[in-house]
Amino acid sequence: MIKYLIIDDEYIAHEIIKGYGDMLPDMQLMKHCYDALEALDYLREHAVDLIFLDLNMPKLKGFEFLRTLSSPPKVIVTTAYQEYALEGYELNISDYLLKPFSFERFVKAVNKAILTEKNSHDAEIIDESENLDHIFLYTDKKHIQVAITDILYAEAAGNYAKVVTQKETHTIREKISDLLNKLPNKLFLQVHKSFVVAKTSIEIIEGNRIKVKDYSIPIGKMYKARVNDLLRN
């Protein structure tokens, strides 16, 4: 979920940005801020992923506000004044939306900002996950600690995933792509859009199927090359 703020002294700007944000499934507006001081007060106690920032505001201008932040989140500038663009990029602004802007242009700006953040975040997750020997799975309103070496495979089930271990199966409310990011990359392999397999649990690879104990797991066409690479090692 992308948590964001709108900082703008114009009510109509808030309505437009919120309307666009509500059309995207992973956007959550945390607060309407009508000047930068209000935003500063909020950010002292809360963290957000993205800020939509107007520049020409009373009390404290947009760029002056940014310079007060020691670790600013991603920022998309929204303004009617094109001449401020150069200064904005010097402050590492993710994108610059010139009012009025379309929904298509809004989506492009959000994707640009969040993709940069996501790539950085995923790299951190992968680095940390390589040293994991246990993982916590949230199921039945409790967190269960599972040894990485006990996991045989995971299967997608919509917004859920089934994690099959040596002894039991856990159903968790998490997409398989998110689960894969938490697992050590060197130990697990995605072999199908719906299946991730522990490399050490693979017993037989035959045609387009993988045998893991009593389970037969399909190999997707897009993932066949990954399995072939495993056979060459």
Protein backbone atom coordinates (compact mmCIF):
# COMPACT_ATOMS: atom_id res chain seq x y z
CA MET A 1 0.00 0.00 0.00
CA ILE A 2 1.35 3.44 -1.01
CA LYS A 3 0.68 5.93 1.79
CA TYR A 4 0.62 9.51 0.56
CA LEU A 5 0.00 13.13 1.53
CA ILE A 6 -1.45 15.98 -0.48
CA ILE A 7 0.09 19.36 0.37
CA ASP A 8 -1.70 22.15 -1.49
CA ASP A 9 -3.56 25.30 -0.49
CA GLU A 10 -6.23 24.79 -3.17
CA TYR A 11 -9.23 22.63 -2.32
CA ILE A 12 -9.85 21.66 -5.96
CA ALA A 13 -6.29 20.30 -6.25
CA HIS A 14 -6.97 17.97 -3.32
CA GLU A 15 -10.17 16.75 -4.95
CA ILE A 16 -8.44 16.00 -8.25
CA ILE A 17 -5.47 14.18 -6.75
CA LYS A 18 -7.60 12.18 -4.34
CA GLY A 19 -9.99 11.29 -7.16
CA TYR A 20 -7.12 9.99 -9.25
CA GLY A 21 -5.58 8.18 -6.27
CA ASP A 22 -8.87 6.46 -5.46
CA MET A 23 -8.84 4.95 -8.97
CA LEU A 24 -5.62 3.07 -8.17
CA PRO A 25 -5.88 -0.04 -5.93
CA ASP A 26 -2.75 0.50 -3.83
CA MET A 27 -3.01 4.20 -2.97
CA GLN A 28 -4.01 5.31 0.55
CA LEU A 29 -4.43 9.01 1.34
CA MET A 30 -3.22 9.65 4.89
CA LYS A 31 -4.00 13.36 5.26
CA HIS A 32 -5.09 16.52 3.44
CA CYS A 33 -2.57 19.26 4.28
CA TYR A 34 -3.44 22.81 3.19
CA ASP A 35 -0.04 24.29 4.04
CA ALA A 36 3.49 22.99 4.61
CA LEU A 37 3.44 23.64 8.36
CA GLU A 38 0.47 21.30 8.73
CA ALA A 39 2.43 18.66 6.81
CA LEU A 40 5.52 19.12 8.98
CA ASP A 41 3.42 18.57 12.08
CA TYR A 42 1.99 15.34 10.63
CA LEU A 43 5.37 14.00 9.48
CA ARG A 44 6.85 14.35 12.97
CA GLU A 45 4.70 11.42 14.07
CA HIS A 46 3.93 9.55 10.85
CA ALA A 47 5.76 8.17 7.82
CA VAL A 48 4.49 8.22 4.24
CA ASP A 49 5.80 6.84 0.95
CA LEU A 50 4.85 9.72 -1.33
CA ILE A 51 4.00 13.42 -1.21
CA PHE A 52 2.09 15.45 -3.81
CA LEU A 53 3.51 18.90 -3.23
CA ASP A 54 2.37 22.29 -4.49
CA LEU A 55 5.06 24.98 -4.59
CA ASN A 56 3.33 28.33 -4.27
CA MET A 57 1.79 28.13 -0.79
CA PRO A 58 1.44 30.60 2.10
CA LYS A 59 3.68 30.53 5.21
CA LEU A 60 6.26 28.10 3.79
CA LYS A 61 6.91 27.48 0.09
CA GLY A 62 7.12 23.95 -1.30
CA PHE A 63 10.87 23.80 -1.89
CA GLU A 64 11.57 25.52 1.44
CA PHE A 65 9.47 22.81 3.08
CA LEU A 66 11.47 20.07 1.35
CA ARG A 67 14.76 21.50 2.58
CA THR A 68 13.57 21.13 6.17
CA LEU A 69 13.18 17.34 5.80
CA SER A 70 16.20 15.23 6.69
CA SER A 71 14.88 12.08 4.97
CA PRO A 72 12.08 13.09 2.61
CA PRO A 73 9.87 10.46 0.98
CA LYS A 74 9.32 10.39 -2.77
CA VAL A 75 7.89 13.70 -3.98
CA ILE A 76 5.78 14.57 -7.00
CA VAL A 77 5.51 18.32 -7.51
CA THR A 78 2.12 19.63 -8.67
CA THR A 79 2.16 23.26 -9.77
CA ALA A 80 1.00 25.71 -12.41
CA TYR A 81 4.48 27.21 -12.76
CA GLN A 82 6.74 25.39 -15.19
CA GLU A 83 9.77 27.57 -14.49
CA TYR A 84 10.42 25.81 -11.17
CA ALA A 85 11.15 22.44 -12.78
CA LEU A 86 14.95 22.73 -12.81
CA GLU A 87 15.18 23.56 -9.12
CA GLY A 88 12.83 20.67 -8.40
CA TYR A 89 15.03 18.10 -10.09
CA GLU A 90 18.04 19.42 -8.15
CA LEU A 91 16.11 18.42 -5.01
CA ASN A 92 15.59 14.87 -6.35
CA ILE A 93 11.93 15.34 -7.17
CA SER A 94 10.52 12.12 -8.65
CA ASP A 95 8.34 13.91 -11.18
CA TYR A 96 6.82 17.26 -12.03
CA LEU A 97 3.10 17.56 -12.86
CA LEU A 98 2.06 20.80 -14.52
CA LYS A 99 -1.53 21.73 -13.65
CA PRO A 100 -3.94 20.76 -15.06
CA PHE A 101 -2.74 17.17 -15.60
CA SER A 102 -4.55 14.09 -16.87
CA PHE A 103 -5.12 10.79 -15.08
CA GLU A 104 -2.73 9.11 -17.52
CA ARG A 105 0.02 11.59 -16.65
CA PHE A 106 -0.75 11.13 -12.93
CA VAL A 107 -0.36 7.34 -13.20
CA LYS A 108 2.92 7.72 -15.07
CA ALA A 109 4.29 9.96 -12.30
CA VAL A 110 3.20 7.58 -9.53
CA ASN A 111 4.73 4.58 -11.32
CA LYS A 112 7.99 6.45 -11.81
CA ALA A 113 8.20 7.43 -8.14
CA ILE A 114 7.20 4.09 -6.65
CA LEU A 115 9.18 1.92 -9.07
CA THR A 116 12.39 3.61 -7.94
CA GLU A 117 11.45 3.10 -4.29
CA LYS A 118 10.36 -0.50 -4.84
CA ASN A 119 13.56 -1.51 -6.62
CA SER A 120 15.59 -0.12 -3.74
CA HIS A 121 13.36 -1.78 -1.16
CA ASP A 122 13.40 -5.16 -2.93
CA ALA A 123 17.19 -5.07 -3.08
CA GLU A 124 17.29 -4.57 0.70
CA ILE A 125 14.85 -7.46 1.24
CA ILE A 126 16.90 -9.80 -0.94
CA ASP A 127 20.14 -8.87 0.81
CA GLU A 128 18.62 -9.48 4.23
CA SER A 129 16.81 -12.67 3.21
CA GLU A 130 19.98 -14.51 2.15
CA ASN A 131 20.93 -15.00 5.81
CA LEU A 132 17.50 -16.12 7.02
CA ASP A 133 17.04 -19.54 8.60
CA HIS A 134 13.45 -18.98 9.79
CA ILE A 135 10.44 -17.00 8.59
CA PHE A 136 7.23 -15.97 10.35
CA LEU A 137 3.97 -16.79 8.60
CA TYR A 138 0.74 -15.06 9.66
CA THR A 139 -2.15 -17.53 9.66
CA ASP A 140 -5.25 -18.05 11.81
CA LYS A 141 -4.63 -14.71 13.58
CA LYS A 142 -1.20 -15.74 14.83
CA HIS A 143 2.41 -15.69 13.66
CA ILE A 144 4.01 -19.10 13.21
CA GLN A 145 7.78 -19.48 12.93
CA VAL A 146 8.79 -21.91 10.20
CA ALA A 147 12.29 -23.11 9.40
CA ILE A 148 13.32 -22.18 5.86
CA THR A 149 14.63 -25.71 5.32
CA ASP A 150 11.19 -27.16 6.19
CA ILE A 151 9.43 -25.37 3.31
CA LEU A 152 8.83 -27.59 0.28
CA TYR A 153 6.94 -25.19 -1.97
CA ALA A 154 4.37 -22.41 -2.04
CA GLU A 155 1.29 -22.10 -4.23
CA ALA A 156 -0.66 -18.98 -5.13
CA ALA A 157 -4.39 -18.85 -4.39
CA GLY A 158 -5.58 -15.38 -5.42
CA ASN A 159 -4.58 -12.92 -2.70
CA TYR A 160 -3.57 -15.88 -0.53
CA ALA A 161 -0.70 -18.35 -0.68
CA LYS A 162 -0.37 -21.91 0.56
CA VAL A 163 3.00 -22.71 2.11
CA VAL A 164 3.59 -26.46 2.18
CA THR A 165 6.17 -27.65 4.71
CA GLN A 166 7.52 -31.05 5.73
CA LYS A 167 4.72 -31.50 8.29
CA GLU A 168 1.79 -29.22 7.41
CA THR A 169 0.30 -26.60 5.11
CA HIS A 170 -0.19 -22.94 6.11
CA THR A 171 -2.57 -20.63 4.26
CA ILE A 172 -1.50 -17.00 4.53
CA ARG A 173 -3.06 -13.77 3.29
CA GLU A 174 -0.15 -12.74 1.11
CA LYS A 175 0.54 -12.78 -2.61
CA ILE A 176 3.11 -15.30 -3.72
CA SER A 177 5.25 -12.54 -5.25
CA ASP A 178 5.52 -10.86 -1.82
CA LEU A 179 6.31 -14.18 -0.15
CA LEU A 180 9.04 -14.87 -2.71
CA ASN A 181 10.71 -11.54 -1.87
CA LYS A 182 11.05 -12.70 1.74
CA LEU A 183 12.63 -16.05 0.92
CA PRO A 184 16.36 -16.58 0.24
CA ASN A 185 16.84 -16.25 -3.51
CA LYS A 186 19.57 -18.90 -3.57
CA LEU A 187 17.26 -21.54 -2.02
CA PHE A 188 13.96 -20.98 -3.84
CA LEU A 189 12.93 -20.90 -7.49
CA GLN A 190 9.72 -19.71 -9.12
CA VAL A 191 8.81 -22.39 -11.67
CA HIS A 192 5.29 -21.24 -12.55
CA LYS A 193 3.30 -18.05 -12.05
CA SER A 194 1.56 -19.84 -9.18
CA PHE A 195 4.36 -21.97 -7.74
CA VAL A 196 7.64 -21.38 -5.90
CA VAL A 197 9.74 -24.43 -5.07
CA ALA A 198 12.55 -25.04 -2.60
CA LYS A 199 15.45 -26.20 -4.76
CA THR A 200 16.54 -28.85 -2.26
CA SER A 201 13.03 -30.37 -2.17
CA ILE A 202 13.02 -31.22 -5.90
CA GLU A 203 13.20 -35.00 -6.39
CA ILE A 204 12.45 -35.44 -10.09
CA ILE A 205 12.12 -33.12 -13.09
CA GLU A 206 10.33 -34.79 -15.97
CA GLY A 207 8.94 -32.93 -18.96
CA ASN A 208 6.94 -30.00 -17.65
CA ARG A 209 6.46 -31.36 -14.14
CA ILE A 210 8.46 -31.32 -10.94
CA LYS A 211 8.02 -33.94 -8.25
CA VAL A 212 8.31 -32.80 -4.65
CA LYS A 213 7.53 -35.72 -2.31
CA ASP A 214 3.91 -36.67 -3.19
CA TYR A 215 3.21 -33.43 -5.06
CA SER A 216 3.40 -32.83 -8.81
CA ILE A 217 4.10 -29.20 -9.68
CA PRO A 218 3.78 -27.72 -13.18
CA ILE A 219 6.57 -25.82 -14.91
CA GLY A 220 5.29 -22.73 -16.71
CA LYS A 221 6.53 -21.97 -20.24
CA MET A 222 7.96 -18.63 -19.12
CA TYR A 223 9.90 -20.32 -16.31
CA LYS A 224 11.27 -23.33 -18.22
CA ALA A 225 14.62 -21.61 -18.83
CA ARG A 226 15.10 -21.11 -15.08
CA VAL A 227 14.59 -24.82 -14.46
CA ASN A 228 17.00 -25.69 -17.29
CA ASP A 229 19.60 -23.41 -15.69
CA LEU A 230 19.15 -25.33 -12.45
CA LEU A 231 19.90 -28.60 -14.29
CA ARG A 232 23.15 -27.18 -15.66
CA ASN A 233 24.50 -26.30 -12.22
